C-alpha cells in the first residue's frame, strides 16, 4: 500500500518485512529515511482524517521498537532482508516517530523506547 508516496514494500519473508524500500531488492535501508516516509504517512492520515494511513507506520514502529539497542539507539543502516546492521553509525530518529505516534494515538506503548533513546 503506497498511498501515492513513492516506495515499495519489503517482502514478507525479510527481517524488515513490509518496510518501505526506495526500490525493489534494496540491500541497504536507512532508518532515517523510513522515519521520513512514516512522517509523510502520518501527515496524510491527519489531512484526510483517515487512520488507515497509520497501519503501515504502526507496523514499522513495532519492529523498530524491537530492534532498539540497549543504549537507546538504532543502527542507521540495515540490510532489510537479513536485519543485519550495516556500518557502525547509530541513529535516534526512530524515537521521534514513536513519540509522534504516542501523541497521536494517546498511547503509552512507545514511552519506554522514547525515554531510553533520550537518556543518551
PDB file of N, CA and C in Angstrom:
ATOM      1  N   UNK A   1       0.857  -1.177   0.000  1.00  0.00           N
ATOM      2  CA  UNK A   1       0.000   0.000   0.000  1.00  0.00           C
ATOM      3  C   UNK A   1       0.900   1.236   0.000  1.00  0.00           C
ATOM      4  N   UNK A   2       0.879   2.010  -1.060  1.00  0.00           N
ATOM      5  CA  UNK A   2       1.808   3.120  -1.189  1.00  0.00           C
ATOM      6  C   UNK A   2       1.222   4.464  -0.797  1.00  0.00           C
ATOM      7  N   UNK A   3      -0.065   4.643  -0.941  1.00  0.00           N
ATOM      8  CA  UNK A   3      -0.697   5.921  -0.602  1.00  0.00           C
ATOM      9  C   UNK A   3      -0.058   7.061  -1.388  1.00  0.00           C
ATOM     10  N   UNK A   4       0.312   6.816  -2.626  1.00  0.00           N
ATOM     11  CA  UNK A   4       0.973   7.724  -3.552  1.00  0.00           C
ATOM     12  C   UNK A   4       2.195   8.437  -2.984  1.00  0.00           C
ATOM     13  N   UNK A   5       2.849   7.834  -2.040  1.00  0.00           N
ATOM     14  CA  UNK A   5       4.178   8.231  -1.594  1.00  0.00           C
ATOM     15  C   UNK A   5       5.089   7.142  -2.141  1.00  0.00           C
ATOM     16  N   UNK A   6       6.174   7.547  -2.782  1.00  0.00           N
ATOM     17  CA  UNK A   6       6.979   6.601  -3.549  1.00  0.00           C
ATOM     18  C   UNK A   6       7.796   5.640  -2.689  1.00  0.00           C
ATOM     19  N   UNK A   7       7.356   4.408  -2.640  1.00  0.00           N
ATOM     20  CA  UNK A   7       8.132   3.326  -2.055  1.00  0.00           C
ATOM     21  C   UNK A   7       7.513   2.002  -2.451  1.00  0.00           C
ATOM     22  N   UNK A   8       8.300   0.953  -2.312  1.00  0.00           N
ATOM     23  CA  UNK A   8       7.792  -0.410  -2.466  1.00  0.00           C
ATOM     24  C   UNK A   8       7.943  -1.088  -1.109  1.00  0.00           C
ATOM     25  N   UNK A   9       7.169  -2.123  -0.868  1.00  0.00           N
ATOM     26  CA  UNK A   9       7.239  -2.809   0.421  1.00  0.00           C
ATOM     27  C   UNK A   9       8.221  -3.975   0.360  1.00  0.00           C
ATOM     28  N   UNK A  10       8.975  -4.143   1.436  1.00  0.00           N
ATOM     29  CA  UNK A  10       9.879  -5.289   1.542  1.00  0.00           C
ATOM     30  C   UNK A  10       9.052  -6.568   1.608  1.00  0.00           C
ATOM     31  N   UNK A  11       9.546  -7.640   1.025  1.00  0.00           N
ATOM     32  CA  UNK A  11       8.822  -8.919   1.065  1.00  0.00           C
ATOM     33  C   UNK A  11       8.562  -9.394   2.497  1.00  0.00           C
ATOM     34  N   UNK A  12       7.539 -10.208   2.636  1.00  0.00           N
ATOM     35  CA  UNK A  12       7.127 -10.663   3.967  1.00  0.00           C
ATOM     36  C   UNK A  12       8.111 -11.634   4.611  1.00  0.00           C
ATOM     37  N   UNK A  13       9.021 -12.200   3.843  1.00  0.00           N
ATOM     38  CA  UNK A  13       9.999 -13.111   4.440  1.00  0.00           C
ATOM     39  C   UNK A  13      11.312 -12.409   4.803  1.00  0.00           C
ATOM     40  N   UNK A  14      11.352 -11.089   4.703  1.00  0.00           N
ATOM     41  CA  UNK A  14      12.536 -10.326   5.075  1.00  0.00           C
ATOM     42  C   UNK A  14      12.452  -9.928   6.545  1.00  0.00           C
ATOM     43  N   UNK A  15      13.594  -9.665   7.165  1.00  0.00           N
ATOM     44  CA  UNK A  15      13.629  -9.244   8.573  1.00  0.00           C
ATOM     45  C   UNK A  15      12.821  -7.963   8.779  1.00  0.00           C
ATOM     46  N   UNK A  16      12.976  -7.008   7.898  1.00  0.00           N
ATOM     47  CA  UNK A  16      12.216  -5.750   7.970  1.00  0.00           C
ATOM     48  C   UNK A  16      11.034  -5.842   6.997  1.00  0.00           C
ATOM     49  N   UNK A  17      10.221  -6.875   7.209  1.00  0.00           N
ATOM     50  CA  UNK A  17       9.104  -7.166   6.306  1.00  0.00           C
ATOM     51  C   UNK A  17       8.082  -6.028   6.277  1.00  0.00           C
ATOM     52  N   UNK A  18       7.658  -5.743   5.062  1.00  0.00           N
ATOM     53  CA  UNK A  18       6.673  -4.708   4.759  1.00  0.00           C
ATOM     54  C   UNK A  18       7.163  -3.299   5.058  1.00  0.00           C
ATOM     55  N   UNK A  19       8.461  -3.148   5.322  1.00  0.00           N
ATOM     56  CA  UNK A  19       9.022  -1.809   5.478  1.00  0.00           C
ATOM     57  C   UNK A  19       9.088  -1.146   4.108  1.00  0.00           C
ATOM     58  N   UNK A  20       9.084   0.186   4.075  1.00  0.00           N
ATOM     59  CA  UNK A  20       9.216   0.866   2.790  1.00  0.00           C
ATOM     60  C   UNK A  20      10.641   0.715   2.260  1.00  0.00           C
ATOM     61  N   UNK A  21      10.746   0.542   0.963  1.00  0.00           N
ATOM     62  CA  UNK A  21      12.038   0.491   0.286  1.00  0.00           C
ATOM     63  C   UNK A  21      11.992   1.491  -0.859  1.00  0.00           C
ATOM     64  N   UNK A  22      13.100   2.166  -1.150  1.00  0.00           N
ATOM     65  CA  UNK A  22      13.098   3.111  -2.270  1.00  0.00           C
ATOM     66  C   UNK A  22      12.950   2.424  -3.622  1.00  0.00           C
ATOM     67  N   UNK A  23      13.337   1.142  -3.699  1.00  0.00           N
ATOM     68  CA  UNK A  23      13.161   0.346  -4.915  1.00  0.00           C
ATOM     69  C   UNK A  23      13.258  -1.130  -4.531  1.00  0.00           C
ATOM     70  N   UNK A  24      12.925  -1.997  -5.459  1.00  0.00           N
ATOM     71  CA  UNK A  24      12.946  -3.433  -5.174  1.00  0.00           C
ATOM     72  C   UNK A  24      14.367  -3.937  -4.940  1.00  0.00           C
ATOM     73  N   UNK A  25      14.468  -4.957  -4.112  1.00  0.00           N
ATOM     74  CA  UNK A  25      15.730  -5.657  -3.842  1.00  0.00           C
ATOM     75  C   UNK A  25      16.842  -4.768  -3.297  1.00  0.00           C
ATOM     76  N   UNK A  26      16.472  -3.755  -2.556  1.00  0.00           N
ATOM     77  CA  UNK A  26      17.450  -2.886  -1.911  1.00  0.00           C
ATOM     78  C   UNK A  26      18.167  -3.685  -0.828  1.00  0.00           C
ATOM     79  N   UNK A  27      19.465  -3.552  -0.750  1.00  0.00           N
ATOM     80  CA  UNK A  27      20.250  -4.289   0.245  1.00  0.00           C
ATOM     81  C   UNK A  27      20.690  -3.410   1.410  1.00  0.00           C
ATOM     82  N   UNK A  28      20.386  -2.117   1.354  1.00  0.00           N
ATOM     83  CA  UNK A  28      20.714  -1.210   2.455  1.00  0.00           C
ATOM     84  C   UNK A  28      19.557  -0.246   2.649  1.00  0.00           C
ATOM     85  N   UNK A  29      19.103  -0.146   3.876  1.00  0.00           N
ATOM     86  CA  UNK A  29      17.962   0.704   4.205  1.00  0.00           C
ATOM     87  C   UNK A  29      18.367   1.674   5.301  1.00  0.00           C
ATOM     88  N   UNK A  30      18.186   2.967   5.043  1.00  0.00           N
ATOM     89  CA  UNK A  30      18.467   4.000   6.045  1.00  0.00           C
ATOM     90  C   UNK A  30      17.223   4.181   6.913  1.00  0.00           C
ATOM     91  N   UNK A  31      17.362   3.955   8.210  1.00  0.00           N
ATOM     92  CA  UNK A  31      16.199   4.064   9.091  1.00  0.00           C
ATOM     93  C   UNK A  31      15.692   5.500   9.195  1.00  0.00           C
ATOM     94  N   UNK A  32      16.561   6.498   9.002  1.00  0.00           N
ATOM     95  CA  UNK A  32      16.089   7.885   8.981  1.00  0.00           C
ATOM     96  C   UNK A  32      15.138   8.104   7.799  1.00  0.00           C
ATOM     97  N   UNK A  33      15.410   7.452   6.671  1.00  0.00           N
ATOM     98  CA  UNK A  33      14.524   7.554   5.508  1.00  0.00           C
ATOM     99  C   UNK A  33      13.178   6.907   5.821  1.00  0.00           C
ATOM    100  N   UNK A  34      13.203   5.769   6.516  1.00  0.00           N
ATOM    101  CA  UNK A  34      11.956   5.100   6.914  1.00  0.00           C
ATOM    102  C   UNK A  34      11.114   6.046   7.764  1.00  0.00           C
ATOM    103  N   UNK A  35      11.760   6.725   8.706  1.00  0.00           N
ATOM    104  CA  UNK A  35      11.041   7.670   9.567  1.00  0.00           C
ATOM    105  C   UNK A  35      10.459   8.810   8.729  1.00  0.00           C
ATOM    106  N   UNK A  36      11.202   9.299   7.751  1.00  0.00           N
ATOM    107  CA  UNK A  36      10.693  10.373   6.887  1.00  0.00           C
ATOM    108  C   UNK A  36       9.447   9.920   6.123  1.00  0.00           C
ATOM    109  N   UNK A  37       9.455   8.709   5.605  1.00  0.00           N
ATOM    110  CA  UNK A  37       8.278   8.167   4.915  1.00  0.00           C
ATOM    111  C   UNK A  37       7.120   8.036   5.897  1.00  0.00           C
ATOM    112  N   UNK A  38       7.407   7.536   7.089  1.00  0.00           N
ATOM    113  CA  UNK A  38       6.365   7.381   8.113  1.00  0.00           C
ATOM    114  C   UNK A  38       5.744   8.725   8.468  1.00  0.00           C
ATOM    115  N   UNK A  39       6.565   9.750   8.582  1.00  0.00           N
ATOM    116  CA  UNK A  39       6.050  11.081   8.920  1.00  0.00           C
ATOM    117  C   UNK A  39       5.146  11.616   7.808  1.00  0.00           C
ATOM    118  N   UNK A  40       5.482  11.317   6.564  1.00  0.00           N
ATOM    119  CA  UNK A  40       4.611  11.722   5.450  1.00  0.00           C
ATOM    120  C   UNK A  40       3.260  11.011   5.539  1.00  0.00           C
ATOM    121  N   UNK A  41       3.281   9.729   5.878  1.00  0.00           N
ATOM    122  CA  UNK A  41       2.019   8.989   6.010  1.00  0.00           C
ATOM    123  C   UNK A  41       1.195   9.502   7.189  1.00  0.00           C
ATOM    124  N   UNK A  42       1.858   9.885   8.260  1.00  0.00           N
ATOM    125  CA  UNK A  42       1.142  10.462   9.403  1.00  0.00           C
ATOM    126  C   UNK A  42       0.459  11.761   8.986  1.00  0.00           C
ATOM    127  N   UNK A  43       1.169  12.596   8.245  1.00  0.00           N
ATOM    128  CA  UNK A  43       0.566  13.851   7.764  1.00  0.00           C
ATOM    129  C   UNK A  43      -0.632  13.564   6.863  1.00  0.00           C
ATOM    130  N   UNK A  44      -0.520  12.544   6.007  1.00  0.00           N
ATOM    131  CA  UNK A  44      -1.655  12.154   5.161  1.00  0.00           C
ATOM    132  C   UNK A  44      -2.839  11.730   6.013  1.00  0.00           C
ATOM    133  N   UNK A  45      -2.568  10.924   7.023  1.00  0.00           N
ATOM    134  CA  UNK A  45      -3.636  10.437   7.911  1.00  0.00           C
ATOM    135  C   UNK A  45      -4.353  11.609   8.568  1.00  0.00           C
ATOM    136  N   UNK A  46      -3.581  12.588   9.012  1.00  0.00           N
ATOM    137  CA  UNK A  46      -4.177  13.749   9.666  1.00  0.00           C
ATOM    138  C   UNK A  46      -4.942  14.608   8.663  1.00  0.00           C
ATOM    139  N   UNK A  47      -4.376  14.815   7.490  1.00  0.00           N
ATOM    140  CA  UNK A  47      -5.019  15.644   6.473  1.00  0.00           C
ATOM    141  C   UNK A  47      -6.342  15.035   6.015  1.00  0.00           C
ATOM    142  N   UNK A  48      -6.338  13.728   5.792  1.00  0.00           N
ATOM    143  CA  UNK A  48      -7.531  13.042   5.287  1.00  0.00           C
ATOM    144  C   UNK A  48      -8.423  12.493   6.398  1.00  0.00           C
ATOM    145  N   UNK A  49      -8.010  12.690   7.643  1.00  0.00           N
ATOM    146  CA  UNK A  49      -8.740  12.110   8.785  1.00  0.00           C
ATOM    147  C   UNK A  49      -8.993  10.622   8.549  1.00  0.00           C
ATOM    148  N   UNK A  50      -7.941   9.937   8.129  1.00  0.00           N
ATOM    149  CA  UNK A  50      -8.049   8.520   7.786  1.00  0.00           C
ATOM    150  C   UNK A  50      -6.923   7.743   8.462  1.00  0.00           C
ATOM    151  N   UNK A  51      -7.262   7.036   9.524  1.00  0.00           N
ATOM    152  CA  UNK A  51      -6.257   6.299  10.279  1.00  0.00           C
ATOM    153  C   UNK A  51      -5.701   5.093   9.523  1.00  0.00           C
ATOM    154  N   UNK A  52      -6.271   4.743   8.386  1.00  0.00           N
ATOM    155  CA  UNK A  52      -5.741   3.625   7.596  1.00  0.00           C
ATOM    156  C   UNK A  52      -4.292   3.890   7.186  1.00  0.00           C
ATOM    157  N   UNK A  53      -3.941   5.159   7.016  1.00  0.00           N
ATOM    158  CA  UNK A  53      -2.564   5.506   6.663  1.00  0.00           C
ATOM    159  C   UNK A  53      -1.593   5.153   7.786  1.00  0.00           C
ATOM    160  N   UNK A  54      -2.109   5.017   9.005  1.00  0.00           N
ATOM    161  CA  UNK A  54      -1.246   4.727  10.148  1.00  0.00           C
ATOM    162  C   UNK A  54      -0.902   3.243  10.274  1.00  0.00           C
ATOM    163  N   UNK A  55      -1.638   2.378   9.597  1.00  0.00           N
ATOM    164  CA  UNK A  55      -1.397   0.940   9.702  1.00  0.00           C
ATOM    165  C   UNK A  55       0.044   0.547   9.429  1.00  0.00           C
ATOM    166  N   UNK A  56       0.583   0.912   8.257  1.00  0.00           N
ATOM    167  CA  UNK A  56       1.977   0.557   7.978  1.00  0.00           C
ATOM    168  C   UNK A  56       2.942   1.202   8.972  1.00  0.00           C
ATOM    169  N   UNK A  57       2.659   2.436   9.347  1.00  0.00           N
ATOM    170  CA  UNK A  57       3.536   3.167  10.262  1.00  0.00           C
ATOM    171  C   UNK A  57       3.609   2.460  11.616  1.00  0.00           C
ATOM    172  N   UNK A  58       2.482   2.001  12.104  1.00  0.00           N
ATOM    173  CA  UNK A  58       2.472   1.269  13.377  1.00  0.00           C
ATOM    174  C   UNK A  58       3.268  -0.030  13.273  1.00  0.00           C
ATOM    175  N   UNK A  59       3.128  -0.713  12.165  1.00  0.00           N
ATOM    176  CA  UNK A  59       3.898  -1.947  11.953  1.00  0.00           C
ATOM    177  C   UNK A  59       5.393  -1.640  12.010  1.00  0.00           C
ATOM    178  N   UNK A  60       5.817  -0.601  11.284  1.00  0.00           N
ATOM    179  CA  UNK A  60       7.233  -0.240  11.271  1.00  0.00           C
ATOM    180  C   UNK A  60       7.701   0.122  12.676  1.00  0.00           C
ATOM    181  N   UNK A  61       6.892   0.898  13.397  1.00  0.00           N
ATOM    182  CA  UNK A  61       7.272   1.322  14.748  1.00  0.00           C
ATOM    183  C   UNK A  61       7.411   0.124  15.688  1.00  0.00           C
ATOM    184  N   UNK A  62       6.518  -0.845  15.547  1.00  0.00           N
ATOM    185  CA  UNK A  62       6.614  -2.039  16.400  1.00  0.00           C
ATOM    186  C   UNK A  62       7.920  -2.793  16.144  1.00  0.00           C
ATOM    187  N   UNK A  63       8.277  -2.958  14.883  1.00  0.00           N
ATOM    188  CA  UNK A  63       9.526  -3.660  14.576  1.00  0.00           C
ATOM    189  C   UNK A  63      10.746  -2.837  14.989  1.00  0.00           C
ATOM    190  N   UNK A  64      10.657  -1.527  14.833  1.00  0.00           N
ATOM    191  CA  UNK A  64      11.767  -0.676  15.261  1.00  0.00           C
ATOM    192  C   UNK A  64      11.940  -0.720  16.777  1.00  0.00           C
ATOM    193  N   UNK A  65      10.848  -0.786  17.491  1.00  0.00           N
ATOM    194  CA  UNK A  65      10.922  -0.877  18.952  1.00  0.00           C
ATOM    195  C   UNK A  65      11.704  -2.128  19.358  1.00  0.00           C
ATOM    196  N   UNK A  66      11.436  -3.221  18.691  1.00  0.00           N
ATOM    197  CA  UNK A  66      12.140  -4.478  18.973  1.00  0.00           C
ATOM    198  C   UNK A  66      13.623  -4.373  18.604  1.00  0.00           C
ATOM    199  N   UNK A  67      13.933  -3.612  17.561  1.00  0.00           N
ATOM    200  CA  UNK A  67      15.311  -3.502  17.069  1.00  0.00           C
ATOM    201  C   UNK A  67      16.155  -2.493  17.848  1.00  0.00           C
ATOM    202  N   UNK A  68      15.549  -1.765  18.773  1.00  0.00           N
ATOM    203  CA  UNK A  68      16.288  -0.762  19.537  1.00  0.00           C
ATOM    204  C   UNK A  68      17.364  -1.431  20.393  1.00  0.00           C
ATOM    205  N   UNK A  69      18.548  -0.841  20.406  1.00  0.00           N
ATOM    206  CA  UNK A  69      19.653  -1.360  21.219  1.00  0.00           C
ATOM    207  C   UNK A  69      19.487  -0.946  22.673  1.00  0.00           C
ATOM    208  N   UNK A  70      20.200  -1.606  23.544  1.00  0.00           N
ATOM    209  CA  UNK A  70      20.104  -1.309  24.975  1.00  0.00           C
ATOM    210  C   UNK A  70      20.594   0.096  25.315  1.00  0.00           C
ATOM    211  N   UNK A  71      21.367   0.716  24.408  1.00  0.00           N
ATOM    212  CA  UNK A  71      21.803   2.094  24.642  1.00  0.00           C
ATOM    213  C   UNK A  71      20.783   3.111  24.124  1.00  0.00           C
ATOM    214  N   UNK A  72      19.655   2.633  23.600  1.00  0.00           N
ATOM    215  CA  UNK A  72      18.585   3.513  23.132  1.00  0.00           C
ATOM    216  C   UNK A  72      18.674   3.895  21.671  1.00  0.00           C
ATOM    217  N   UNK A  73      19.703   3.436  20.984  1.00  0.00           N
ATOM    218  CA  UNK A  73      19.884   3.808  19.576  1.00  0.00           C
ATOM    219  C   UNK A  73      19.482   2.663  18.650  1.00  0.00           C
ATOM    220  N   UNK A  74      19.508   2.981  17.369  1.00  0.00           N
ATOM    221  CA  UNK A  74      19.260   2.001  16.312  1.00  0.00           C
ATOM    222  C   UNK A  74      20.416   2.092  15.329  1.00  0.00           C
ATOM    223  N   UNK A  75      20.686   1.012  14.595  1.00  0.00           N
ATOM    224  CA  UNK A  75      21.668   1.148  13.517  1.00  0.00           C
ATOM    225  C   UNK A  75      21.109   2.118  12.481  1.00  0.00           C
ATOM    226  N   UNK A  76      21.949   2.988  11.967  1.00  0.00           N
ATOM    227  CA  UNK A  76      21.478   3.964  10.983  1.00  0.00           C
ATOM    228  C   UNK A  76      21.105   3.288   9.672  1.00  0.00           C
ATOM    229  N   UNK A  77      21.809   2.214   9.344  1.00  0.00           N
ATOM    230  CA  UNK A  77      21.570   1.478   8.102  1.00  0.00           C
ATOM    231  C   UNK A  77      21.508  -0.010   8.409  1.00  0.00           C
ATOM    232  N   UNK A  78      20.570  -0.680   7.777  1.00  0.00           N
ATOM    233  CA  UNK A  78      20.420  -2.125   7.953  1.00  0.00           C
ATOM    234  C   UNK A  78      20.226  -2.788   6.597  1.00  0.00           C
ATOM    235  N   UNK A  79      20.521  -4.070   6.561  1.00  0.00           N
ATOM    236  CA  UNK A  79      20.143  -4.871   5.412  1.00  0.00           C
ATOM    237  C   UNK A  79      18.703  -5.296   5.686  1.00  0.00           C
ATOM    238  N   UNK A  80      17.736  -4.817   4.915  1.00  0.00           N
ATOM    239  CA  UNK A  80      16.342  -5.117   5.230  1.00  0.00           C
ATOM    240  C   UNK A  80      15.988  -6.598   5.078  1.00  0.00           C
ATOM    241  N   UNK A  81      16.754  -7.309   4.290  1.00  0.00           N
ATOM    242  CA  UNK A  81      16.494  -8.738   4.084  1.00  0.00           C
ATOM    243  C   UNK A  81      16.907  -9.546   5.319  1.00  0.00           C
ATOM    244  N   UNK A  82      18.101  -9.247   5.847  1.00  0.00           N
ATOM    245  CA  UNK A  82      18.653 -10.037   6.950  1.00  0.00           C
ATOM    246  C   UNK A  82      18.473  -9.386   8.317  1.00  0.00           C
ATOM    247  N   UNK A  83      18.298  -8.064   8.326  1.00  0.00           N
ATOM    248  CA  UNK A  83      18.216  -7.327   9.583  1.00  0.00           C
ATOM    249  C   UNK A  83      19.570  -6.965  10.152  1.00  0.00           C
ATOM    250  N   UNK A  84      20.630  -7.339   9.475  1.00  0.00           N
ATOM    251  CA  UNK A  84      21.984  -7.082   9.972  1.00  0.00           C
ATOM    252  C   UNK A  84      22.337  -5.604   9.776  1.00  0.00           C
ATOM    253  N   UNK A  85      22.850  -4.951  10.840  1.00  0.00           N
ATOM    254  CA  UNK A  85      23.282  -3.556  10.702  1.00  0.00           C
ATOM    255  C   UNK A  85      24.411  -3.431   9.682  1.00  0.00           C
ATOM    256  N   UNK A  86      24.429  -2.313   8.990  1.00  0.00           N
ATOM    257  CA  UNK A  86      25.483  -2.010   8.030  1.00  0.00           C
ATOM    258  C   UNK A  86      26.253  -0.820   8.583  1.00  0.00           C
ATOM    259  N   UNK A  87      27.518  -1.011   8.860  1.00  0.00           N
ATOM    260  CA  UNK A  87      28.342   0.054   9.421  1.00  0.00           C
ATOM    261  C   UNK A  87      28.110   0.212  10.917  1.00  0.00           C
ATOM    262  N   UNK A  88      28.755   1.222  11.465  1.00  0.00           N
ATOM    263  CA  UNK A  88      28.686   1.443  12.911  1.00  0.00           C
ATOM    264  C   UNK A  88      27.906   2.691  13.298  1.00  0.00           C
ATOM    265  N   UNK A  89      27.437   3.449  12.326  1.00  0.00           N
ATOM    266  CA  UNK A  89      26.693   4.671  12.617  1.00  0.00           C
ATOM    267  C   UNK A  89      25.369   4.333  13.282  1.00  0.00           C
ATOM    268  N   UNK A  90      25.014   5.123  14.282  1.00  0.00           N
ATOM    269  CA  UNK A  90      23.781   4.909  15.041  1.00  0.00           C
ATOM    270  C   UNK A  90      22.855   6.110  14.847  1.00  0.00           C
ATOM    271  N   UNK A  91      21.574   5.910  15.098  1.00  0.00           N
ATOM    272  CA  UNK A  91      20.579   6.979  14.991  1.00  0.00           C
ATOM    273  C   UNK A  91      19.590   6.878  16.150  1.00  0.00           C
ATOM    274  N   UNK A  92      18.995   8.014  16.478  1.00  0.00           N
ATOM    275  CA  UNK A  92      17.921   8.065  17.472  1.00  0.00           C
ATOM    276  C   UNK A  92      16.617   8.547  16.825  1.00  0.00           C
ATOM    277  N   UNK A  93      16.636   8.755  15.523  1.00  0.00           N
ATOM    278  CA  UNK A  93      15.474   9.286  14.806  1.00  0.00           C
ATOM    279  C   UNK A  93      14.206   8.455  14.986  1.00  0.00           C
ATOM    280  N   UNK A  94      14.265   7.126  15.041  1.00  0.00           N
ATOM    281  CA  UNK A  94      13.017   6.383  15.247  1.00  0.00           C
ATOM    282  C   UNK A  94      12.261   6.772  16.523  1.00  0.00           C
ATOM    283  N   UNK A  95      12.972   7.288  17.514  1.00  0.00           N
ATOM    284  CA  UNK A  95      12.276   7.700  18.741  1.00  0.00           C
ATOM    285  C   UNK A  95      11.335   8.869  18.470  1.00  0.00           C
ATOM    286  N   UNK A  96      11.695   9.716  17.507  1.00  0.00           N
ATOM    287  CA  UNK A  96      10.820  10.837  17.130  1.00  0.00           C
ATOM    288  C   UNK A  96       9.506  10.313  16.568  1.00  0.00           C
ATOM    289  N   UNK A  97       9.599   9.275  15.747  1.00  0.00           N
ATOM    290  CA  UNK A  97       8.402   8.651  15.184  1.00  0.00           C
ATOM    291  C   UNK A  97       7.547   8.056  16.297  1.00  0.00           C
ATOM    292  N   UNK A  98       8.181   7.364  17.216  1.00  0.00           N
ATOM    293  CA  UNK A  98       7.435   6.718  18.298  1.00  0.00           C
ATOM    294  C   UNK A  98       6.765   7.738  19.213  1.00  0.00           C
ATOM    295  N   UNK A  99       7.452   8.841  19.465  1.00  0.00           N
ATOM    296  CA  UNK A  99       6.855   9.902  20.284  1.00  0.00           C
ATOM    297  C   UNK A  99       5.634  10.491  19.580  1.00  0.00           C
ATOM    298  N   UNK A 100       5.745  10.697  18.273  1.00  0.00           N
ATOM    299  CA  UNK A 100       4.629  11.246  17.497  1.00  0.00           C
ATOM    300  C   UNK A 100       3.439  10.293  17.511  1.00  0.00           C
ATOM    301  N   UNK A 101       3.694   9.010  17.340  1.00  0.00           N
ATOM    302  CA  UNK A 101       2.606   8.029  17.374  1.00  0.00           C
ATOM    303  C   UNK A 101       1.944   7.995  18.749  1.00  0.00           C
ATOM    304  N   UNK A 102       2.746   8.064  19.797  1.00  0.00           N
ATOM    305  CA  UNK A 102       2.186   8.086  21.145  1.00  0.00           C
ATOM    306  C   UNK A 102       1.265   9.268  21.351  1.00  0.00           C
ATOM    307  N   UNK A 103       1.678  10.411  20.809  1.00  0.00           N
ATOM    308  CA  UNK A 103       0.874  11.635  20.917  1.00  0.00           C
ATOM    309  C   UNK A 103      -0.426  11.511  20.117  1.00  0.00           C
ATOM    310  N   UNK A 104      -0.320  11.083  18.884  1.00  0.00           N
ATOM    311  CA  UNK A 104      -1.494  10.982  18.010  1.00  0.00           C
ATOM    312  C   UNK A 104      -2.505   9.978  18.549  1.00  0.00           C
ATOM    313  N   UNK A 105      -2.006   8.847  19.012  1.00  0.00           N
ATOM    314  CA  UNK A 105      -2.884   7.757  19.443  1.00  0.00           C
ATOM    315  C   UNK A 105      -3.216   7.822  20.931  1.00  0.00           C
ATOM    316  N   UNK A 106      -2.667   8.827  21.613  1.00  0.00           N
ATOM    317  CA  UNK A 106      -2.852   8.955  23.061  1.00  0.00           C
ATOM    318  C   UNK A 106      -2.525   7.628  23.740  1.00  0.00           C
ATOM    319  N   UNK A 107      -1.325   7.136  23.425  1.00  0.00           N
ATOM    320  CA  UNK A 107      -0.902   5.810  23.878  1.00  0.00           C
ATOM    321  C   UNK A 107       0.464   5.894  24.557  1.00  0.00           C
ATOM    322  N   UNK A 108       0.671   5.051  25.530  1.00  0.00           N
ATOM    323  CA  UNK A 108       1.969   4.986  26.207  1.00  0.00           C
ATOM    324  C   UNK A 108       2.821   3.825  25.680  1.00  0.00           C
ATOM    325  N   UNK A 109       2.380   3.198  24.616  1.00  0.00           N
ATOM    326  CA  UNK A 109       3.041   1.995  24.098  1.00  0.00           C
ATOM    327  C   UNK A 109       4.526   2.188  23.809  1.00  0.00           C
ATOM    328  N   UNK A 110       4.905   3.356  23.330  1.00  0.00           N
ATOM    329  CA  UNK A 110       6.286   3.586  22.919  1.00  0.00           C
ATOM    330  C   UNK A 110       7.076   4.429  23.921  1.00  0.00           C
ATOM    331  N   UNK A 111       6.478   4.771  25.061  1.00  0.00           N
ATOM    332  CA  UNK A 111       7.128   5.661  26.030  1.00  0.00           C
ATOM    333  C   UNK A 111       8.492   5.150  26.480  1.00  0.00           C
ATOM    334  N   UNK A 112       8.596   3.869  26.781  1.00  0.00           N
ATOM    335  CA  UNK A 112       9.871   3.325  27.259  1.00  0.00           C
ATOM    336  C   UNK A 112      10.959   3.434  26.195  1.00  0.00           C
ATOM    337  N   UNK A 113      10.618   3.166  24.955  1.00  0.00           N
ATOM    338  CA  UNK A 113      11.598   3.257  23.869  1.00  0.00           C
ATOM    339  C   UNK A 113      12.049   4.701  23.670  1.00  0.00           C
ATOM    340  N   UNK A 114      11.106   5.633  23.747  1.00  0.00           N
ATOM    341  CA  UNK A 114      11.438   7.058  23.594  1.00  0.00           C
ATOM    342  C   UNK A 114      12.326   7.505  24.749  1.00  0.00           C
ATOM    343  N   UNK A 115      11.965   7.118  25.967  1.00  0.00           N
ATOM    344  CA  UNK A 115      12.758   7.501  27.142  1.00  0.00           C
ATOM    345  C   UNK A 115      14.173   6.939  27.055  1.00  0.00           C
ATOM    346  N   UNK A 116      14.300   5.690  26.642  1.00  0.00           N
ATOM    347  CA  UNK A 116      15.620   5.070  26.512  1.00  0.00           C
ATOM    348  C   UNK A 116      16.463   5.810  25.479  1.00  0.00           C
ATOM    349  N   UNK A 117      15.861   6.204  24.372  1.00  0.00           N
ATOM    350  CA  UNK A 117      16.586   6.931  23.324  1.00  0.00           C
ATOM    351  C   UNK A 117      17.057   8.293  23.814  1.00  0.00           C
ATOM    352  N   UNK A 118      16.292   8.922  24.684  1.00  0.00           N
ATOM    353  CA  UNK A 118      16.636  10.268  25.151  1.00  0.00           C
ATOM    354  C   UNK A 118      17.543  10.271  26.371  1.00  0.00           C
ATOM    355  N   UNK A 119      17.883   9.103  26.893  1.00  0.00           N
ATOM    356  CA  UNK A 119      18.827   9.036  28.009  1.00  0.00           C
ATOM    357  C   UNK A 119      20.242   9.351  27.558  1.00  0.00           C
ATOM    358  N   UNK A 120      20.479   9.238  26.280  1.00  0.00           N
ATOM    359  CA  UNK A 120      21.836   9.452  25.757  1.00  0.00           C
ATOM    360  C   UNK A 120      22.114  10.910  25.535  1.00  0.00           C
TER     361      UNK A 120
END
